[in-house]
Amino acid sequence: MHLTSAPHLLPITSLLAGLFLLLAPRVVSFAVAVYLIFVGLLGLNAIYHIVK
């Protein structure tokens, strides 16, 4: 299945993301922090098997 509208979505998405970053940098920082903590916990769990 080909999505012919996909090339048009990338510039619009990046423009909206850029505007969101300008308007709400605190929300983005919070989302990045939550993501990094989640990935870190998953990585530690993979090494040490904290949660089975």
Protein backbone atom coordinates (compact mmCIF):
# COMPACT_ATOMS: atom_id res chain seq x y z
CA MET A 1 0.00 0.00 0.00
CA HIS A 2 1.36 3.39 -0.99
CA LEU A 3 0.56 6.54 0.88
CA THR A 4 0.77 9.35 -1.60
CA SER A 5 0.14 12.02 1.04
CA ALA A 6 3.11 10.95 3.20
CA PRO A 7 5.65 13.36 1.62
CA HIS A 8 3.31 16.25 2.39
CA LEU A 9 2.92 15.29 6.04
CA LEU A 10 6.60 15.63 6.97
CA PRO A 11 6.93 19.42 6.45
CA ILE A 12 3.60 20.07 8.16
CA THR A 13 4.50 17.82 11.10
CA SER A 14 7.92 19.39 11.52
CA LEU A 15 6.43 22.89 11.35
CA LEU A 16 3.85 22.04 14.01
CA ALA A 17 6.50 20.40 16.19
CA GLY A 18 8.73 23.46 15.89
CA LEU A 19 5.90 25.78 16.85
CA PHE A 20 5.05 23.56 19.80
CA LEU A 21 8.69 23.65 20.92
CA LEU A 22 8.65 27.43 20.80
CA LEU A 23 5.36 27.76 22.64
CA ALA A 24 5.74 25.04 25.29
CA PRO A 25 9.41 24.19 25.93
CA ARG A 26 8.65 23.19 29.52
CA VAL A 27 6.19 20.50 28.40
CA VAL A 28 8.72 19.16 25.90
CA SER A 29 11.45 19.07 28.56
CA PHE A 30 9.13 17.15 30.85
CA ALA A 31 8.24 14.67 28.09
CA VAL A 32 11.91 14.11 27.25
CA ALA A 33 12.75 13.60 30.93
CA VAL A 34 9.97 11.02 31.34
CA TYR A 35 11.13 9.24 28.19
CA LEU A 36 14.75 9.11 29.35
CA ILE A 37 13.77 7.79 32.78
CA PHE A 38 11.57 5.13 31.17
CA VAL A 39 14.30 4.02 28.76
CA GLY A 40 16.84 3.99 31.58
CA LEU A 41 14.61 1.81 33.73
CA LEU A 42 14.03 -0.56 30.84
CA GLY A 43 17.77 -0.78 30.25
CA LEU A 44 18.50 -1.47 33.91
CA ASN A 45 15.77 -4.08 33.99
CA ALA A 46 17.32 -5.78 30.97
CA ILE A 47 20.67 -5.97 32.76
CA TYR A 48 19.67 -6.70 36.34
CA HIS A 49 16.18 -8.26 35.90
CA ILE A 50 14.58 -6.09 38.59
CA VAL A 51 11.05 -6.85 37.41
CA LYS A 52 10.35 -10.24 35.87
